[in-house]
Amino acid sequence: MLIPSTGNRKESKMTKFSMASLLSRVARFKDLRSSSEAFVDTRIPEYQREIYNIIGRGVTEDAGLEPMIADNRDFNLTMMKADPGKGSSQHDHETIECFVALSGSWAVTLGMAGEEEVILEPFDVFSVPPGVMRGLRNTGAEPAHILAILGGTDPGKATWSPHINERAKQLGLYVNENGDLVDTR
């Protein structure tokens, strides 16, 4: 199978791929592995959730959670599943982060303490720029899924609100200099 190269589109070079190599780039939902401790805030009850790395590792702090598709040139794709009232705490990234609600209703909380929010319904999209603290909360009555798309091959690390790092440390988790979780319990 011939696929246009990722280089200059004006060139007519084609790259040859086998069907097997293309199938290795398919992530089946039924085969996804998740982590319930993918981030420093996940032992805090209101921030318990499941994280699925689909394309690239993104900013996940669980070094053992391998993505289904490792080739993450230019973006990373992660899915989160949370029960009602749960989600992620306030954090920031060095790149744009886009959220796509797949099911349920989600509040994207904005600001250091989440003082503002935008509600997303299924298939709504919100592109949050770098430098804006954001969090997520499932506002529906059922468990729900949301996609997070981070720009860049290396989107850096998450910057957490200072009180989150302190609460996490009290529960036995912190993030080391490599951006990986350390469990002190």
C-alpha atoms as a PDB file:
ATOM      1  CA  MET A   1       0.000   0.000   0.000  1.00  0.00           C
ATOM      2  CA  LEU A   2       1.369   3.426  -0.944  1.00  0.00           C
ATOM      3  CA  ILE A   3       0.858   6.354   1.405  1.00  0.00           C
ATOM      4  CA  PRO A   4       2.010   9.930   0.709  1.00  0.00           C
ATOM      5  CA  SER A   5       5.177  10.749   2.650  1.00  0.00           C
ATOM      6  CA  THR A   6       4.990  13.057   5.649  1.00  0.00           C
ATOM      7  CA  GLY A   7       7.424  15.408   3.945  1.00  0.00           C
ATOM      8  CA  ASN A   8       6.658  18.180   1.478  1.00  0.00           C
ATOM      9  CA  ARG A   9       3.312  17.462  -0.213  1.00  0.00           C
ATOM     10  CA  LYS A  10       4.631  19.047  -3.418  1.00  0.00           C
ATOM     11  CA  GLU A  11       6.962  16.082  -3.730  1.00  0.00           C
ATOM     12  CA  SER A  12       5.327  13.049  -5.254  1.00  0.00           C
ATOM     13  CA  LYS A  13       7.255  10.572  -3.064  1.00  0.00           C
ATOM     14  CA  MET A  14       5.150   7.790  -1.654  1.00  0.00           C
ATOM     15  CA  THR A  15       6.010   5.680   1.361  1.00  0.00           C
ATOM     16  CA  LYS A  16       5.317   1.972   1.250  1.00  0.00           C
ATOM     17  CA  PHE A  17       3.578   0.433   4.275  1.00  0.00           C
ATOM     18  CA  SER A  18       2.492  -3.130   4.862  1.00  0.00           C
ATOM     19  CA  MET A  19      -1.040  -3.788   6.040  1.00  0.00           C
ATOM     20  CA  ALA A  20       0.440  -5.333   9.208  1.00  0.00           C
ATOM     21  CA  SER A  21       2.296  -2.111  10.014  1.00  0.00           C
ATOM     22  CA  LEU A  22      -0.874  -0.087   9.444  1.00  0.00           C
ATOM     23  CA  LEU A  23      -2.899  -2.421  11.682  1.00  0.00           C
ATOM     24  CA  SER A  24      -0.350  -1.830  14.461  1.00  0.00           C
ATOM     25  CA  ARG A  25      -1.636   1.762  14.423  1.00  0.00           C
ATOM     26  CA  VAL A  26      -5.198   0.735  15.341  1.00  0.00           C
ATOM     27  CA  ALA A  27      -6.177   0.995  19.032  1.00  0.00           C
ATOM     28  CA  ARG A  28      -9.171  -1.168  19.849  1.00  0.00           C
ATOM     29  CA  PHE A  29     -11.183   0.031  22.840  1.00  0.00           C
ATOM     30  CA  LYS A  30     -11.532  -3.514  24.163  1.00  0.00           C
ATOM     31  CA  ASP A  31      -7.723  -3.833  24.263  1.00  0.00           C
ATOM     32  CA  LEU A  32      -6.922  -0.546  26.010  1.00  0.00           C
ATOM     33  CA  ARG A  33      -5.201  -0.748  29.409  1.00  0.00           C
ATOM     34  CA  SER A  34      -5.970   1.906  31.972  1.00  0.00           C
ATOM     35  CA  SER A  35      -4.408   3.266  35.124  1.00  0.00           C
ATOM     36  CA  SER A  36      -6.300   4.444  38.189  1.00  0.00           C
ATOM     37  CA  GLU A  37      -3.105   6.148  39.413  1.00  0.00           C
ATOM     38  CA  ALA A  38      -1.904   7.873  36.261  1.00  0.00           C
ATOM     39  CA  PHE A  39      -1.479  11.275  37.944  1.00  0.00           C
ATOM     40  CA  VAL A  40      -0.411  12.682  41.285  1.00  0.00           C
ATOM     41  CA  ASP A  41      -3.976  13.702  42.237  1.00  0.00           C
ATOM     42  CA  THR A  42      -5.667  10.315  41.768  1.00  0.00           C
ATOM     43  CA  ARG A  43      -5.620   9.268  45.452  1.00  0.00           C
ATOM     44  CA  ILE A  44      -7.653  12.354  46.313  1.00  0.00           C
ATOM     45  CA  PRO A  45     -11.233  10.953  46.292  1.00  0.00           C
ATOM     46  CA  GLU A  46     -12.834  13.599  44.033  1.00  0.00           C
ATOM     47  CA  TYR A  47     -10.088  13.100  41.408  1.00  0.00           C
ATOM     48  CA  GLN A  48     -10.243   9.318  41.096  1.00  0.00           C
ATOM     49  CA  ARG A  49     -10.500   8.286  37.454  1.00  0.00           C
ATOM     50  CA  GLU A  50      -9.222   5.872  34.831  1.00  0.00           C
ATOM     51  CA  ILE A  51      -6.711   7.076  32.225  1.00  0.00           C
ATOM     52  CA  TYR A  52      -6.143   5.349  28.872  1.00  0.00           C
ATOM     53  CA  ASN A  53      -3.088   6.368  26.820  1.00  0.00           C
ATOM     54  CA  ILE A  54      -4.127   5.812  23.214  1.00  0.00           C
ATOM     55  CA  ILE A  55      -1.501   7.666  21.150  1.00  0.00           C
ATOM     56  CA  GLY A  56       1.683   8.643  22.995  1.00  0.00           C
ATOM     57  CA  ARG A  57       2.228   8.976  26.706  1.00  0.00           C
ATOM     58  CA  GLY A  58       1.109  12.601  26.822  1.00  0.00           C
ATOM     59  CA  VAL A  59       1.751  13.968  30.312  1.00  0.00           C
ATOM     60  CA  THR A  60       0.794  10.765  32.148  1.00  0.00           C
ATOM     61  CA  GLU A  61       2.879  10.338  35.297  1.00  0.00           C
ATOM     62  CA  ASP A  62       2.430   6.526  35.534  1.00  0.00           C
ATOM     63  CA  ALA A  63       5.571   5.307  33.757  1.00  0.00           C
ATOM     64  CA  GLY A  64       4.032   1.830  33.374  1.00  0.00           C
ATOM     65  CA  LEU A  65       1.021   2.959  31.330  1.00  0.00           C
ATOM     66  CA  GLU A  66       2.190   2.367  27.776  1.00  0.00           C
ATOM     67  CA  PRO A  67       0.163   3.819  24.906  1.00  0.00           C
ATOM     68  CA  MET A  68      -1.502   1.522  22.377  1.00  0.00           C
ATOM     69  CA  ILE A  69       0.086   3.553  19.562  1.00  0.00           C
ATOM     70  CA  ALA A  70       3.582   4.818  20.338  1.00  0.00           C
ATOM     71  CA  ASP A  71       4.103   7.032  17.253  1.00  0.00           C
ATOM     72  CA  ASN A  72       2.857  10.358  18.555  1.00  0.00           C
ATOM     73  CA  ARG A  73       4.360  12.825  16.110  1.00  0.00           C
ATOM     74  CA  ASP A  74       2.795  16.238  16.766  1.00  0.00           C
ATOM     75  CA  PHE A  75       0.044  15.169  19.233  1.00  0.00           C
ATOM     76  CA  ASN A  76      -0.954  12.800  22.059  1.00  0.00           C
ATOM     77  CA  LEU A  77      -4.401  11.263  22.608  1.00  0.00           C
ATOM     78  CA  THR A  78      -5.646  10.177  26.035  1.00  0.00           C
ATOM     79  CA  MET A  79      -9.092   9.098  27.218  1.00  0.00           C
ATOM     80  CA  MET A  80     -10.453   9.548  30.714  1.00  0.00           C
ATOM     81  CA  LYS A  81     -13.326   7.715  32.367  1.00  0.00           C
ATOM     82  CA  ALA A  82     -14.777   9.134  35.578  1.00  0.00           C
ATOM     83  CA  ASP A  83     -17.744   8.454  37.817  1.00  0.00           C
ATOM     84  CA  PRO A  84     -20.243  11.245  38.512  1.00  0.00           C
ATOM     85  CA  GLY A  85     -18.688  14.123  40.455  1.00  0.00           C
ATOM     86  CA  LYS A  86     -15.127  12.974  39.763  1.00  0.00           C
ATOM     87  CA  GLY A  87     -12.468  14.076  37.274  1.00  0.00           C
ATOM     88  CA  SER A  88      -9.099  15.824  37.306  1.00  0.00           C
ATOM     89  CA  SER A  89      -7.827  18.639  39.487  1.00  0.00           C
ATOM     90  CA  GLN A  90      -6.559  22.028  38.316  1.00  0.00           C
ATOM     91  CA  HIS A  91      -3.433  21.770  36.168  1.00  0.00           C
ATOM     92  CA  ASP A  92      -1.707  23.391  33.225  1.00  0.00           C
ATOM     93  CA  HIS A  93       0.297  22.245  30.195  1.00  0.00           C
ATOM     94  CA  GLU A  94       2.946  23.816  27.976  1.00  0.00           C
ATOM     95  CA  THR A  95       0.811  23.100  24.895  1.00  0.00           C
ATOM     96  CA  ILE A  96      -2.807  23.432  23.821  1.00  0.00           C
ATOM     97  CA  GLU A  97      -5.113  20.764  25.265  1.00  0.00           C
ATOM     98  CA  CYS A  98      -8.374  19.973  23.478  1.00  0.00           C
ATOM     99  CA  PHE A  99     -11.202  18.132  25.201  1.00  0.00           C
ATOM    100  CA  VAL A 100     -13.885  16.170  23.325  1.00  0.00           C
ATOM    101  CA  ALA A 101     -16.757  14.873  25.447  1.00  0.00           C
ATOM    102  CA  LEU A 102     -17.642  11.353  24.297  1.00  0.00           C
ATOM    103  CA  SER A 103     -20.449  10.643  26.758  1.00  0.00           C
ATOM    104  CA  GLY A 104     -22.174  12.326  29.674  1.00  0.00           C
ATOM    105  CA  SER A 105     -21.749  15.936  30.649  1.00  0.00           C
ATOM    106  CA  TRP A 106     -18.419  17.477  31.675  1.00  0.00           C
ATOM    107  CA  ALA A 107     -17.448  20.701  33.420  1.00  0.00           C
ATOM    108  CA  VAL A 108     -14.087  22.065  32.299  1.00  0.00           C
ATOM    109  CA  THR A 109     -13.126  24.109  35.352  1.00  0.00           C
ATOM    110  CA  LEU A 110     -10.886  27.119  34.743  1.00  0.00           C
ATOM    111  CA  GLY A 111      -8.646  29.231  36.977  1.00  0.00           C
ATOM    112  CA  MET A 112      -6.415  28.402  39.960  1.00  0.00           C
ATOM    113  CA  ALA A 113      -9.372  27.233  42.047  1.00  0.00           C
ATOM    114  CA  GLY A 114     -11.731  26.300  39.200  1.00  0.00           C
ATOM    115  CA  GLU A 115     -13.766  29.477  39.691  1.00  0.00           C
ATOM    116  CA  GLU A 116     -15.130  29.418  36.114  1.00  0.00           C
ATOM    117  CA  GLU A 117     -16.428  26.510  34.049  1.00  0.00           C
ATOM    118  CA  VAL A 118     -17.546  25.514  30.582  1.00  0.00           C
ATOM    119  CA  ILE A 119     -19.998  22.611  30.236  1.00  0.00           C
ATOM    120  CA  LEU A 120     -19.383  20.094  27.437  1.00  0.00           C
ATOM    121  CA  GLU A 121     -22.017  17.681  26.148  1.00  0.00           C
ATOM    122  CA  PRO A 122     -21.240  14.697  23.867  1.00  0.00           C
ATOM    123  CA  PHE A 123     -19.042  15.673  20.892  1.00  0.00           C
ATOM    124  CA  ASP A 124     -18.535  19.266  22.103  1.00  0.00           C
ATOM    125  CA  VAL A 125     -14.899  20.416  21.796  1.00  0.00           C
ATOM    126  CA  PHE A 126     -12.983  22.916  23.937  1.00  0.00           C
ATOM    127  CA  SER A 127      -9.424  23.998  23.073  1.00  0.00           C
ATOM    128  CA  VAL A 128      -7.662  25.250  26.224  1.00  0.00           C
ATOM    129  CA  PRO A 129      -4.560  27.364  25.572  1.00  0.00           C
ATOM    130  CA  PRO A 130      -1.292  27.000  27.495  1.00  0.00           C
ATOM    131  CA  GLY A 131      -1.119  29.042  30.690  1.00  0.00           C
ATOM    132  CA  VAL A 132      -4.734  28.392  31.732  1.00  0.00           C
ATOM    133  CA  MET A 133      -5.290  26.185  34.769  1.00  0.00           C
ATOM    134  CA  ARG A 134      -7.956  23.623  33.936  1.00  0.00           C
ATOM    135  CA  GLY A 135      -9.632  20.613  35.516  1.00  0.00           C
ATOM    136  CA  LEU A 136     -12.472  18.259  34.595  1.00  0.00           C
ATOM    137  CA  ARG A 137     -15.531  16.985  36.447  1.00  0.00           C
ATOM    138  CA  ASN A 138     -18.188  14.552  35.277  1.00  0.00           C
ATOM    139  CA  THR A 139     -21.422  16.476  35.917  1.00  0.00           C
ATOM    140  CA  GLY A 140     -23.673  13.667  34.680  1.00  0.00           C
ATOM    141  CA  ALA A 141     -25.450  10.880  36.554  1.00  0.00           C
ATOM    142  CA  GLU A 142     -23.487   7.997  34.959  1.00  0.00           C
ATOM    143  CA  PRO A 143     -19.804   7.157  34.395  1.00  0.00           C
ATOM    144  CA  ALA A 144     -18.616   9.051  31.315  1.00  0.00           C
ATOM    145  CA  HIS A 145     -15.672   9.311  28.888  1.00  0.00           C
ATOM    146  CA  ILE A 146     -13.808  12.325  27.535  1.00  0.00           C
ATOM    147  CA  LEU A 147     -10.850  12.591  25.132  1.00  0.00           C
ATOM    148  CA  ALA A 148      -7.874  14.850  25.767  1.00  0.00           C
ATOM    149  CA  ILE A 149      -5.646  15.795  22.843  1.00  0.00           C
ATOM    150  CA  LEU A 150      -2.328  17.426  23.712  1.00  0.00           C
ATOM    151  CA  GLY A 151      -0.355  19.264  21.076  1.00  0.00           C
ATOM    152  CA  GLY A 152       3.273  18.458  20.373  1.00  0.00           C
ATOM    153  CA  THR A 153       5.285  15.272  20.241  1.00  0.00           C
ATOM    154  CA  ASP A 154       6.575  16.099  23.747  1.00  0.00           C
ATOM    155  CA  PRO A 155       3.893  18.122  25.539  1.00  0.00           C
ATOM    156  CA  GLY A 156       6.072  18.529  28.644  1.00  0.00           C
ATOM    157  CA  LYS A 157       4.739  17.775  32.103  1.00  0.00           C
ATOM    158  CA  ALA A 158       1.588  18.790  33.932  1.00  0.00           C
ATOM    159  CA  THR A 159       1.881  21.662  36.390  1.00  0.00           C
ATOM    160  CA  TRP A 160      -0.441  21.037  39.325  1.00  0.00           C
ATOM    161  CA  SER A 161      -2.039  23.574  41.603  1.00  0.00           C
ATOM    162  CA  PRO A 162       0.233  23.778  44.726  1.00  0.00           C
ATOM    163  CA  HIS A 163      -2.459  22.564  47.153  1.00  0.00           C
ATOM    164  CA  ILE A 164      -2.927  19.426  44.993  1.00  0.00           C
ATOM    165  CA  ASN A 165       0.761  18.521  45.305  1.00  0.00           C
ATOM    166  CA  GLU A 166       0.524  18.929  49.091  1.00  0.00           C
ATOM    167  CA  ARG A 167      -2.633  16.784  49.394  1.00  0.00           C
ATOM    168  CA  ALA A 168      -1.096  14.108  47.158  1.00  0.00           C
ATOM    169  CA  LYS A 169       2.076  14.020  49.259  1.00  0.00           C
ATOM    170  CA  GLN A 170      -0.051  13.441  52.369  1.00  0.00           C
ATOM    171  CA  LEU A 171      -1.581  10.443  50.541  1.00  0.00           C
ATOM    172  CA  GLY A 172       1.839   9.033  49.588  1.00  0.00           C
ATOM    173  CA  LEU A 173       2.348  10.280  46.015  1.00  0.00           C
ATOM    174  CA  TYR A 174       4.660  12.826  44.454  1.00  0.00           C
ATOM    175  CA  VAL A 175       6.142  13.433  41.005  1.00  0.00           C
ATOM    176  CA  ASN A 176       9.925  13.090  40.598  1.00  0.00           C
ATOM    177  CA  GLU A 177      12.194  15.235  38.405  1.00  0.00           C
ATOM    178  CA  ASN A 178      11.505  12.929  35.415  1.00  0.00           C
ATOM    179  CA  GLY A 179       7.757  13.542  35.684  1.00  0.00           C
ATOM    180  CA  ASP A 180       6.994  10.038  37.023  1.00  0.00           C
ATOM    181  CA  LEU A 181       4.912   9.167  40.075  1.00  0.00           C
ATOM    182  CA  VAL A 182       6.684   7.982  43.210  1.00  0.00           C
ATOM    183  CA  ASP A 183       4.655   6.013  45.766  1.00  0.00           C
ATOM    184  CA  THR A 184       5.966   6.488  49.318  1.00  0.00           C
ATOM    185  CA  ARG A 185       3.538   4.053  50.960  1.00  0.00           C
END
